[in-house]
Amino acid sequence: MTEQELLEKLRGMVDEKRYAHSIGVRDTAVLLARRYGVSEEKARIAGILHDCAKNIPKEEGIARCEAAGIPLKPICYIEKGLVHSYLGAYIARTEFGITDPEILDAIYYHTTGHEDMPPLTKIIYLSDMIEPGRNIPNVEELRRIAMEDIDEALIRSINSTITHVLGKGSVLDCDTVCARNFLVQKKRLCKSAV
């Protein structure tokens, strides 16, 4: 599919707010991909499609995952907002014809992250947080740091997410904790090696 075809199909699946967000993530992902030597084409596709399942009602999303045999962690039945990532990767593959494992990983983990994320997954996770339409605390600082040190921006972004989730009294996905811990340990190892 061409980019225009992806966008047209996506427009029929999400509301205008989500569509605008997806364009913002696409544009931010391309900038970060250029900065860090990652495929701009893959970043563009993953950015466009990362939220393709976001407007599917949560209970329907769970039912579709179960019907498709997509394994859901127990947390997904509590924090149903996580489901769109897993279903989104499936929809990207089955309805958009995306077979690239890097793109699918980036979509699948764009909400939680995971330990030792590949570069494209880091870019989509971070782009989702800092795209121009986002107005979260310290977003301008995150945008600046993202262009200097993607791992530091990810650590700060994940810290913010963890604080937000804990502040709501919600359950935290273990993949997010593992992603943060891996990045922090990597930074410490790099500093001690210098």
N, C-alpha and C. Protein backbone atom coordinates (compact mmCIF):
# COMPACT_ATOMS: atom_id res chain seq x y z
N MET A 1 0.83 -1.19 0.00
CA MET A 1 0.00 0.00 0.00
C MET A 1 0.88 1.25 0.00
N THR A 2 0.44 2.25 -0.71
CA THR A 2 1.15 3.53 -0.68
C THR A 2 0.80 4.24 0.63
N GLU A 3 1.57 5.27 0.95
CA GLU A 3 1.27 6.05 2.15
C GLU A 3 -0.13 6.64 2.06
N GLN A 4 -0.51 7.15 0.90
CA GLN A 4 -1.84 7.73 0.73
C GLN A 4 -2.93 6.70 0.96
N GLU A 5 -2.72 5.48 0.49
CA GLU A 5 -3.69 4.41 0.71
C GLU A 5 -3.79 4.05 2.19
N LEU A 6 -2.64 4.00 2.87
CA LEU A 6 -2.65 3.75 4.32
C LEU A 6 -3.47 4.81 5.04
N LEU A 7 -3.22 6.07 4.68
CA LEU A 7 -3.91 7.18 5.34
C LEU A 7 -5.41 7.15 5.07
N GLU A 8 -5.78 6.86 3.84
CA GLU A 8 -7.22 6.81 3.50
C GLU A 8 -7.92 5.70 4.26
N LYS A 9 -7.28 4.54 4.33
CA LYS A 9 -7.87 3.42 5.06
C LYS A 9 -7.94 3.74 6.55
N LEU A 10 -6.89 4.34 7.09
CA LEU A 10 -6.87 4.70 8.51
C LEU A 10 -7.96 5.71 8.82
N ARG A 11 -8.16 6.68 7.95
CA ARG A 11 -9.18 7.71 8.17
C ARG A 11 -10.57 7.09 8.36
N GLY A 12 -10.81 5.98 7.70
CA GLY A 12 -12.09 5.28 7.86
C GLY A 12 -12.20 4.46 9.14
N MET A 13 -11.10 4.34 9.88
CA MET A 13 -11.09 3.49 11.07
C MET A 13 -11.03 4.27 12.39
N VAL A 14 -10.57 5.51 12.33
CA VAL A 14 -10.39 6.29 13.56
C VAL A 14 -11.08 7.63 13.44
N ASP A 15 -11.31 8.28 14.59
CA ASP A 15 -11.93 9.60 14.56
C ASP A 15 -10.89 10.65 14.17
N GLU A 16 -11.36 11.88 13.95
CA GLU A 16 -10.47 12.95 13.47
C GLU A 16 -9.34 13.26 14.44
N LYS A 17 -9.64 13.24 15.72
CA LYS A 17 -8.60 13.51 16.73
C LYS A 17 -7.50 12.45 16.66
N ARG A 18 -7.89 11.19 16.55
CA ARG A 18 -6.90 10.10 16.49
C ARG A 18 -6.14 10.16 15.16
N TYR A 19 -6.82 10.54 14.10
CA TYR A 19 -6.17 10.65 12.79
C TYR A 19 -5.09 11.74 12.86
N ALA A 20 -5.43 12.90 13.42
CA ALA A 20 -4.46 14.00 13.54
C ALA A 20 -3.28 13.57 14.42
N HIS A 21 -3.57 12.85 15.49
CA HIS A 21 -2.51 12.33 16.36
C HIS A 21 -1.59 11.40 15.58
N SER A 22 -2.16 10.54 14.77
CA SER A 22 -1.36 9.59 13.98
C SER A 22 -0.46 10.32 12.98
N ILE A 23 -0.95 11.40 12.40
CA ILE A 23 -0.12 12.21 11.50
C ILE A 23 1.03 12.83 12.30
N GLY A 24 0.74 13.32 13.49
CA GLY A 24 1.78 13.89 14.33
C GLY A 24 2.83 12.88 14.72
N VAL A 25 2.40 11.67 15.04
CA VAL A 25 3.34 10.60 15.39
C VAL A 25 4.18 10.23 14.16
N ARG A 26 3.54 10.15 13.01
CA ARG A 26 4.27 9.87 11.77
C ARG A 26 5.38 10.89 11.55
N ASP A 27 5.03 12.17 11.63
CA ASP A 27 6.00 13.23 11.36
C ASP A 27 7.13 13.24 12.38
N THR A 28 6.81 13.03 13.65
CA THR A 28 7.82 12.99 14.70
C THR A 28 8.71 11.77 14.52
N ALA A 29 8.11 10.64 14.19
CA ALA A 29 8.88 9.40 14.00
C ALA A 29 9.87 9.55 12.84
N VAL A 30 9.45 10.20 11.78
CA VAL A 30 10.36 10.41 10.64
C VAL A 30 11.54 11.28 11.05
N LEU A 31 11.28 12.34 11.82
CA LEU A 31 12.38 13.20 12.30
C LEU A 31 13.36 12.41 13.16
N LEU A 32 12.82 11.61 14.08
CA LEU A 32 13.70 10.82 14.95
C LEU A 32 14.44 9.73 14.16
N ALA A 33 13.76 9.14 13.20
CA ALA A 33 14.41 8.12 12.36
C ALA A 33 15.58 8.72 11.60
N ARG A 34 15.37 9.90 11.05
CA ARG A 34 16.44 10.59 10.33
C ARG A 34 17.61 10.88 11.28
N ARG A 35 17.30 11.33 12.47
CA ARG A 35 18.32 11.68 13.46
C ARG A 35 19.14 10.45 13.90
N TYR A 36 18.48 9.29 14.02
CA TYR A 36 19.15 8.11 14.58
C TYR A 36 19.46 7.03 13.54
N GLY A 37 19.34 7.36 12.27
CA GLY A 37 19.74 6.42 11.22
C GLY A 37 18.85 5.20 11.09
N VAL A 38 17.57 5.38 11.34
CA VAL A 38 16.59 4.30 11.21
C VAL A 38 15.79 4.54 9.93
N SER A 39 15.25 3.49 9.35
CA SER A 39 14.47 3.62 8.12
C SER A 39 13.31 4.60 8.30
N GLU A 40 13.34 5.67 7.52
CA GLU A 40 12.25 6.66 7.58
C GLU A 40 10.95 6.05 7.08
N GLU A 41 11.04 5.17 6.11
CA GLU A 41 9.83 4.53 5.57
C GLU A 41 9.15 3.68 6.63
N LYS A 42 9.94 2.89 7.37
CA LYS A 42 9.36 2.07 8.43
C LYS A 42 8.78 2.95 9.54
N ALA A 43 9.48 4.02 9.88
CA ALA A 43 8.99 4.94 10.90
C ALA A 43 7.68 5.58 10.45
N ARG A 44 7.59 5.93 9.19
CA ARG A 44 6.38 6.55 8.63
C ARG A 44 5.20 5.58 8.75
N ILE A 45 5.40 4.35 8.34
CA ILE A 45 4.32 3.36 8.37
C ILE A 45 3.89 3.06 9.80
N ALA A 46 4.86 2.81 10.68
CA ALA A 46 4.54 2.50 12.08
C ALA A 46 3.84 3.68 12.75
N GLY A 47 4.29 4.89 12.45
CA GLY A 47 3.67 6.08 13.02
C GLY A 47 2.22 6.23 12.58
N ILE A 48 1.97 5.99 11.32
CA ILE A 48 0.60 6.10 10.79
C ILE A 48 -0.31 5.06 11.45
N LEU A 49 0.19 3.83 11.58
CA LEU A 49 -0.68 2.72 11.99
C LEU A 49 -0.67 2.40 13.48
N HIS A 50 0.16 3.07 14.27
CA HIS A 50 0.31 2.65 15.66
C HIS A 50 -1.01 2.63 16.44
N ASP A 51 -1.93 3.50 16.13
CA ASP A 51 -3.22 3.56 16.84
C ASP A 51 -4.40 3.13 15.98
N CYS A 52 -4.15 2.27 15.00
CA CYS A 52 -5.24 1.89 14.08
C CYS A 52 -6.39 1.18 14.79
N ALA A 53 -6.14 0.61 15.97
CA ALA A 53 -7.21 -0.07 16.72
C ALA A 53 -7.72 0.76 17.89
N LYS A 54 -7.27 1.97 18.02
CA LYS A 54 -7.58 2.79 19.21
C LYS A 54 -9.07 3.11 19.36
N ASN A 55 -9.79 3.28 18.27
CA ASN A 55 -11.20 3.63 18.38
C ASN A 55 -12.13 2.43 18.45
N ILE A 56 -11.57 1.25 18.51
CA ILE A 56 -12.38 0.05 18.71
C ILE A 56 -12.73 -0.01 20.20
N PRO A 57 -14.01 -0.14 20.53
CA PRO A 57 -14.38 -0.22 21.96
C PRO A 57 -13.58 -1.32 22.66
N LYS A 58 -13.20 -1.06 23.90
CA LYS A 58 -12.27 -1.93 24.61
C LYS A 58 -12.77 -3.37 24.72
N GLU A 59 -14.03 -3.56 25.06
CA GLU A 59 -14.56 -4.93 25.18
C GLU A 59 -14.53 -5.64 23.83
N GLU A 60 -14.85 -4.91 22.77
CA GLU A 60 -14.78 -5.48 21.42
C GLU A 60 -13.34 -5.82 21.07
N GLY A 61 -12.40 -4.96 21.47
CA GLY A 61 -10.99 -5.23 21.22
C GLY A 61 -10.54 -6.52 21.88
N ILE A 62 -10.96 -6.72 23.12
CA ILE A 62 -10.61 -7.96 23.83
C ILE A 62 -11.22 -9.16 23.11
N ALA A 63 -12.47 -9.04 22.72
CA ALA A 63 -13.15 -10.15 22.01
C ALA A 63 -12.45 -10.45 20.69
N ARG A 64 -12.04 -9.41 19.96
CA ARG A 64 -11.35 -9.63 18.69
C ARG A 64 -9.98 -10.28 18.89
N CYS A 65 -9.29 -9.87 19.94
CA CYS A 65 -8.00 -10.51 20.25
C CYS A 65 -8.19 -11.98 20.57
N GLU A 66 -9.17 -12.27 21.41
CA GLU A 66 -9.44 -13.66 21.78
C GLU A 66 -9.82 -14.48 20.55
N ALA A 67 -10.66 -13.93 19.69
CA ALA A 67 -11.09 -14.65 18.48
C ALA A 67 -9.92 -14.89 17.53
N ALA A 68 -8.97 -13.95 17.49
CA ALA A 68 -7.82 -14.08 16.59
C ALA A 68 -6.68 -14.89 17.21
N GLY A 69 -6.85 -15.28 18.47
CA GLY A 69 -5.79 -16.04 19.13
C GLY A 69 -4.61 -15.19 19.58
N ILE A 70 -4.83 -13.89 19.75
CA ILE A 70 -3.78 -12.99 20.22
C ILE A 70 -3.73 -13.13 21.74
N PRO A 71 -2.59 -13.61 22.26
CA PRO A 71 -2.52 -13.78 23.71
C PRO A 71 -2.56 -12.44 24.45
N LEU A 72 -3.40 -12.35 25.44
CA LEU A 72 -3.50 -11.14 26.25
C LEU A 72 -3.03 -11.45 27.67
N LYS A 73 -2.19 -10.58 28.20
CA LYS A 73 -1.75 -10.73 29.57
C LYS A 73 -2.92 -10.41 30.50
N PRO A 74 -2.92 -10.97 31.70
CA PRO A 74 -4.02 -10.68 32.64
C PRO A 74 -4.26 -9.19 32.85
N ILE A 75 -3.21 -8.38 32.81
CA ILE A 75 -3.37 -6.93 33.02
C ILE A 75 -4.31 -6.30 31.99
N CYS A 76 -4.40 -6.89 30.80
CA CYS A 76 -5.25 -6.32 29.74
C CYS A 76 -6.73 -6.35 30.10
N TYR A 77 -7.11 -7.24 30.99
CA TYR A 77 -8.51 -7.32 31.41
C TYR A 77 -8.81 -6.29 32.49
N ILE A 78 -7.76 -5.71 33.06
CA ILE A 78 -7.91 -4.65 34.06
C ILE A 78 -7.67 -3.29 33.40
N GLU A 79 -6.54 -3.18 32.73
CA GLU A 79 -6.16 -1.95 32.02
C GLU A 79 -6.45 -2.17 30.52
N LYS A 80 -7.69 -2.06 30.15
CA LYS A 80 -8.13 -2.40 28.80
C LYS A 80 -7.56 -1.47 27.73
N GLY A 81 -7.03 -0.33 28.14
CA GLY A 81 -6.41 0.60 27.20
C GLY A 81 -5.15 0.05 26.56
N LEU A 82 -4.60 -1.02 27.11
CA LEU A 82 -3.40 -1.64 26.54
C LEU A 82 -3.73 -2.48 25.31
N VAL A 83 -4.96 -2.94 25.21
CA VAL A 83 -5.35 -3.91 24.18
C VAL A 83 -5.16 -3.37 22.77
N HIS A 84 -5.37 -2.06 22.57
CA HIS A 84 -5.31 -1.52 21.20
C HIS A 84 -3.93 -1.72 20.57
N SER A 85 -2.89 -1.79 21.36
CA SER A 85 -1.55 -2.00 20.81
C SER A 85 -1.43 -3.39 20.18
N TYR A 86 -1.88 -4.38 20.93
CA TYR A 86 -1.76 -5.77 20.46
C TYR A 86 -2.69 -6.01 19.27
N LEU A 87 -3.92 -5.52 19.38
CA LEU A 87 -4.86 -5.66 18.27
C LEU A 87 -4.39 -4.83 17.07
N GLY A 88 -3.79 -3.67 17.34
CA GLY A 88 -3.29 -2.82 16.25
C GLY A 88 -2.23 -3.51 15.42
N ALA A 89 -1.31 -4.22 16.05
CA ALA A 89 -0.29 -4.96 15.29
C ALA A 89 -0.95 -6.03 14.42
N TYR A 90 -1.96 -6.69 14.96
CA TYR A 90 -2.69 -7.71 14.20
C TYR A 90 -3.40 -7.08 13.00
N ILE A 91 -4.07 -5.95 13.23
CA ILE A 91 -4.78 -5.27 12.14
C ILE A 91 -3.80 -4.75 11.10
N ALA A 92 -2.66 -4.24 11.55
CA ALA A 92 -1.65 -3.77 10.60
C ALA A 92 -1.23 -4.91 9.67
N ARG A 93 -1.11 -6.11 10.24
CA ARG A 93 -0.69 -7.26 9.44
C ARG A 93 -1.82 -7.77 8.55
N THR A 94 -3.01 -7.94 9.13
CA THR A 94 -4.09 -8.60 8.39
C THR A 94 -4.89 -7.67 7.48
N GLU A 95 -5.02 -6.41 7.86
CA GLU A 95 -5.85 -5.50 7.06
C GLU A 95 -5.04 -4.51 6.23
N PHE A 96 -3.80 -4.25 6.64
CA PHE A 96 -2.94 -3.32 5.90
C PHE A 96 -1.80 -4.05 5.18
N GLY A 97 -1.65 -5.33 5.43
CA GLY A 97 -0.64 -6.12 4.74
C GLY A 97 0.79 -5.88 5.20
N ILE A 98 0.98 -5.39 6.42
CA ILE A 98 2.32 -5.14 6.94
C ILE A 98 2.90 -6.45 7.47
N THR A 99 4.07 -6.81 6.96
CA THR A 99 4.71 -8.05 7.40
C THR A 99 6.06 -7.81 8.05
N ASP A 100 6.56 -6.60 7.99
CA ASP A 100 7.87 -6.28 8.55
C ASP A 100 7.84 -6.43 10.08
N PRO A 101 8.67 -7.34 10.64
CA PRO A 101 8.63 -7.56 12.09
C PRO A 101 9.01 -6.33 12.91
N GLU A 102 9.87 -5.45 12.39
CA GLU A 102 10.23 -4.24 13.13
C GLU A 102 9.03 -3.30 13.27
N ILE A 103 8.28 -3.14 12.19
CA ILE A 103 7.10 -2.28 12.24
C ILE A 103 6.06 -2.87 13.18
N LEU A 104 5.85 -4.17 13.08
CA LEU A 104 4.85 -4.82 13.93
C LEU A 104 5.24 -4.76 15.40
N ASP A 105 6.53 -4.90 15.71
CA ASP A 105 7.01 -4.79 17.09
C ASP A 105 6.76 -3.37 17.62
N ALA A 106 7.04 -2.39 16.78
CA ALA A 106 6.86 -0.99 17.19
C ALA A 106 5.39 -0.69 17.51
N ILE A 107 4.49 -1.24 16.71
CA ILE A 107 3.06 -1.03 16.96
C ILE A 107 2.63 -1.80 18.22
N TYR A 108 3.05 -3.05 18.31
CA TYR A 108 2.66 -3.92 19.41
C TYR A 108 3.06 -3.35 20.77
N TYR A 109 4.25 -2.74 20.82
CA TYR A 109 4.79 -2.26 22.10
C TYR A 109 4.77 -0.75 22.26
N HIS A 110 4.04 -0.03 21.43
CA HIS A 110 4.12 1.44 21.51
C HIS A 110 3.51 2.00 22.80
N THR A 111 2.72 1.23 23.49
CA THR A 111 2.10 1.69 24.73
C THR A 111 2.92 1.33 25.97
N THR A 112 3.53 0.16 25.95
CA THR A 112 4.24 -0.32 27.14
C THR A 112 5.76 -0.25 27.02
N GLY A 113 6.27 -0.33 25.78
CA GLY A 113 7.70 -0.54 25.62
C GLY A 113 8.04 -1.96 26.05
N HIS A 114 9.32 -2.31 25.96
CA HIS A 114 9.77 -3.61 26.46
C HIS A 114 11.28 -3.56 26.63
N GLU A 115 11.80 -4.54 27.32
CA GLU A 115 13.24 -4.61 27.56
C GLU A 115 14.00 -4.68 26.23
N ASP A 116 15.09 -3.95 26.15
CA ASP A 116 15.98 -3.96 24.99
C ASP A 116 15.22 -3.69 23.68
N MET A 117 14.49 -2.58 23.66
CA MET A 117 13.70 -2.23 22.48
C MET A 117 14.61 -1.95 21.29
N PRO A 118 14.24 -2.44 20.10
CA PRO A 118 14.97 -2.05 18.89
C PRO A 118 14.73 -0.57 18.59
N PRO A 119 15.59 0.04 17.79
CA PRO A 119 15.48 1.48 17.53
C PRO A 119 14.11 1.96 17.05
N LEU A 120 13.48 1.23 16.14
CA LEU A 120 12.18 1.68 15.63
C LEU A 120 11.12 1.67 16.73
N THR A 121 11.15 0.68 17.59
CA THR A 121 10.19 0.62 18.69
C THR A 121 10.40 1.79 19.65
N LYS A 122 11.65 2.13 19.93
CA LYS A 122 11.95 3.30 20.76
C LYS A 122 11.36 4.56 20.13
N ILE A 123 11.55 4.69 18.83
CA ILE A 123 11.10 5.88 18.11
C ILE A 123 9.58 6.02 18.16
N ILE A 124 8.86 4.93 17.95
CA ILE A 124 7.40 5.02 17.95
C ILE A 124 6.88 5.25 19.36
N TYR A 125 7.45 4.58 20.35
CA TYR A 125 7.04 4.81 21.73
C TYR A 125 7.20 6.29 22.08
N LEU A 126 8.35 6.84 21.78
CA LEU A 126 8.64 8.23 22.14
C LEU A 126 7.82 9.21 21.29
N SER A 127 7.69 8.93 20.01
CA SER A 127 6.91 9.81 19.13
C SER A 127 5.46 9.92 19.59
N ASP A 128 4.92 8.83 20.09
CA ASP A 128 3.56 8.82 20.62
C ASP A 128 3.42 9.79 21.79
N MET A 129 4.49 9.95 22.55
CA MET A 129 4.47 10.82 23.73
C MET A 129 4.73 12.29 23.39
N ILE A 130 5.53 12.55 22.34
CA ILE A 130 6.00 13.92 22.12
C ILE A 130 5.53 14.57 20.84
N GLU A 131 4.65 13.91 20.10
CA GLU A 131 4.19 14.50 18.84
C GLU A 131 3.59 15.89 19.12
N PRO A 132 3.53 16.76 18.10
CA PRO A 132 3.15 18.16 18.32
C PRO A 132 1.81 18.39 19.01
N GLY A 133 0.88 17.46 18.89
CA GLY A 133 -0.43 17.62 19.52
C GLY A 133 -0.46 17.30 21.01
N ARG A 134 0.61 16.71 21.51
CA ARG A 134 0.65 16.34 22.93
C ARG A 134 0.94 17.56 23.80
N ASN A 135 0.28 17.59 24.94
CA ASN A 135 0.49 18.68 25.88
C ASN A 135 0.63 18.09 27.28
N ILE A 136 1.65 17.28 27.46
CA ILE A 136 1.90 16.64 28.76
C ILE A 136 2.97 17.44 29.50
N PRO A 137 3.08 17.27 30.81
CA PRO A 137 4.10 18.01 31.56
C PRO A 137 5.50 17.76 30.98
N ASN A 138 6.27 18.80 30.85
CA ASN A 138 7.67 18.75 30.39
C ASN A 138 7.84 18.24 28.96
N VAL A 139 6.80 18.34 28.13
CA VAL A 139 6.89 17.81 26.77
C VAL A 139 7.94 18.54 25.93
N GLU A 140 8.08 19.84 26.13
CA GLU A 140 9.08 20.59 25.35
C GLU A 140 10.49 20.10 25.67
N GLU A 141 10.74 19.85 26.95
CA GLU A 141 12.05 19.33 27.35
C GLU A 141 12.27 17.94 26.76
N LEU A 142 11.24 17.10 26.79
CA LEU A 142 11.35 15.76 26.20
C LEU A 142 11.65 15.84 24.70
N ARG A 143 11.00 16.76 24.01
CA ARG A 143 11.25 16.92 22.57
C ARG A 143 12.70 17.30 22.31
N ARG A 144 13.23 18.19 23.12
CA ARG A 144 14.62 18.62 22.97
C ARG A 144 15.58 17.45 23.25
N ILE A 145 15.35 16.76 24.34
CA ILE A 145 16.23 15.65 24.71
C ILE A 145 16.15 14.53 23.69
N ALA A 146 14.97 14.31 23.12
CA ALA A 146 14.78 13.23 22.14
C ALA A 146 15.72 13.38 20.95
N MET A 147 16.05 14.61 20.59
CA MET A 147 16.94 14.84 19.45
C MET A 147 18.42 14.73 19.85
N GLU A 148 18.69 14.69 21.15
CA GLU A 148 20.07 14.60 21.64
C GLU A 148 20.43 13.21 22.14
N ASP A 149 19.50 12.56 22.85
CA ASP A 149 19.78 11.28 23.50
C ASP A 149 18.46 10.54 23.66
N ILE A 150 18.18 9.65 22.73
CA ILE A 150 16.87 8.99 22.72
C ILE A 150 16.65 8.15 23.97
N ASP A 151 17.70 7.51 24.48
CA ASP A 151 17.52 6.69 25.67
C ASP A 151 17.18 7.54 26.89
N GLU A 152 17.82 8.68 27.03
CA GLU A 152 17.49 9.58 28.15
C GLU A 152 16.06 10.08 28.02
N ALA A 153 15.64 10.41 26.81
CA ALA A 153 14.25 10.85 26.60
C ALA A 153 13.27 9.73 26.93
N LEU A 154 13.62 8.51 26.58
CA LEU A 154 12.75 7.38 26.90
C LEU A 154 12.66 7.16 28.40
N ILE A 155 13.78 7.23 29.09
CA ILE A 155 13.76 7.06 30.55
C ILE A 155 12.84 8.10 31.18
N ARG A 156 13.01 9.34 30.78
CA ARG A 156 12.16 10.41 31.35
C ARG A 156 10.70 10.23 30.99
N SER A 157 10.44 9.81 29.77
CA SER A 157 9.08 9.58 29.32
C SER A 157 8.43 8.43 30.10
N ILE A 158 9.18 7.36 30.26
CA ILE A 158 8.66 6.20 31.00
C ILE A 158 8.46 6.57 32.48
N ASN A 159 9.40 7.32 33.05
CA ASN A 159 9.23 7.79 34.43
C ASN A 159 7.92 8.56 34.58
N SER A 160 7.65 9.43 33.61
CA SER A 160 6.42 10.22 33.64
C SER A 160 5.19 9.32 33.55
N THR A 161 5.25 8.33 32.68
CA THR A 161 4.14 7.39 32.53
C THR A 161 3.92 6.62 33.82
N ILE A 162 4.99 6.13 34.41
CA ILE A 162 4.87 5.37 35.66
C ILE A 162 4.25 6.24 36.76
N THR A 163 4.72 7.46 36.88
CA THR A 163 4.17 8.38 37.88
C THR A 163 2.68 8.61 37.63
N HIS A 164 2.31 8.81 36.37
CA HIS A 164 0.91 9.04 36.01
C HIS A 164 0.05 7.82 36.35
N VAL A 165 0.51 6.64 35.98
CA VAL A 165 -0.25 5.41 36.22
C VAL A 165 -0.40 5.16 37.73
N LEU A 166 0.68 5.33 38.47
CA LEU A 166 0.61 5.13 39.92
C LEU A 166 -0.28 6.18 40.57
N GLY A 167 -0.22 7.42 40.06
CA GLY A 167 -1.06 8.49 40.59
C GLY A 167 -2.54 8.21 40.42
N LYS A 168 -2.90 7.48 39.37
CA LYS A 168 -4.30 7.12 39.14
C LYS A 168 -4.71 5.89 39.95
N GLY A 169 -3.72 5.24 40.58
CA GLY A 169 -4.00 4.01 41.31
C GLY A 169 -4.21 2.84 40.38
N SER A 170 -3.66 2.94 39.16
CA SER A 170 -3.83 1.89 38.16
C SER A 170 -2.72 0.85 38.27
N VAL A 171 -2.87 -0.20 37.51
CA VAL A 171 -1.90 -1.29 37.47
C VAL A 171 -0.87 -0.98 36.40
N LEU A 172 0.38 -1.23 36.71
CA LEU A 172 1.49 -0.95 35.81
C LEU A 172 1.91 -2.21 35.08
N ASP A 173 2.07 -2.12 33.77
CA ASP A 173 2.51 -3.27 32.97
C ASP A 173 3.98 -3.55 33.25
N CYS A 174 4.31 -4.80 33.46
CA CYS A 174 5.69 -5.20 33.76
C CYS A 174 6.65 -4.86 32.62
N ASP A 175 6.17 -4.88 31.37
CA ASP A 175 7.04 -4.54 30.24
C ASP A 175 7.56 -3.11 30.36
N THR A 176 6.74 -2.22 30.91
CA THR A 176 7.16 -0.83 31.07
C THR A 176 8.27 -0.72 32.10
N VAL A 177 8.13 -1.43 33.20
CA VAL A 177 9.17 -1.44 34.23
C VAL A 177 10.45 -2.04 33.67
N CYS A 178 10.33 -3.13 32.93
CA CYS A 178 11.51 -3.78 32.33
C CYS A 178 12.19 -2.86 31.32
N ALA A 179 11.39 -2.14 30.54
CA ALA A 179 11.96 -1.20 29.56
C ALA A 179 12.77 -0.14 30.28
N ARG A 180 12.20 0.45 31.32
CA ARG A 180 12.89 1.49 32.08
C ARG A 180 14.17 0.96 32.72
N ASN A 181 14.05 -0.18 33.39
CA ASN A 181 15.21 -0.72 34.09
C ASN A 181 16.34 -1.05 33.13
N PHE A 182 16.01 -1.60 31.97
CA PHE A 182 17.03 -1.92 30.98
C PHE A 182 17.76 -0.65 30.53
N LEU A 183 17.00 0.40 30.24
CA LEU A 183 17.59 1.65 29.77
C LEU A 183 18.46 2.30 30.85
N VAL A 184 17.98 2.30 32.09
CA VAL A 184 18.75 2.89 33.19
C VAL A 184 20.05 2.11 33.40
N GLN A 185 19.96 0.79 33.40
CA GLN A 185 21.16 -0.04 33.59
C GLN A 185 22.15 0.16 32.44
N LYS A 186 21.63 0.25 31.23
CA LYS A 186 22.49 0.48 30.05
C LYS A 186 23.23 1.80 30.19
N LYS A 187 22.53 2.84 30.62
CA LYS A 187 23.17 4.16 30.81
C LYS A 187 24.26 4.08 31.89
N ARG A 188 23.96 3.40 32.97
CA ARG A 188 24.95 3.27 34.06
C ARG A 188 26.18 2.50 33.61
N LEU A 189 25.96 1.44 32.84
CA LEU A 189 27.09 0.65 32.34
C LEU A 189 27.95 1.49 31.39
N CYS A 190 27.30 2.28 30.55
CA CYS A 190 28.03 3.13 29.63
C CYS A 190 28.85 4.17 30.38
N LYS A 191 28.29 4.76 31.45
CA LYS A 191 29.02 5.76 32.22
C LYS A 191 30.20 5.15 32.95
N SER A 192 30.01 3.92 33.49
CA SER A 192 31.11 3.30 34.23
C SER A 192 32.22 2.81 33.31
N ALA A 193 31.90 2.61 32.03
CA ALA A 193 32.91 2.16 31.07
C ALA A 193 33.80 3.30 30.59
N VAL A 194 33.34 4.54 30.83
CA VAL A 194 34.09 5.70 30.35
C VAL A 194 35.21 6.04 31.29
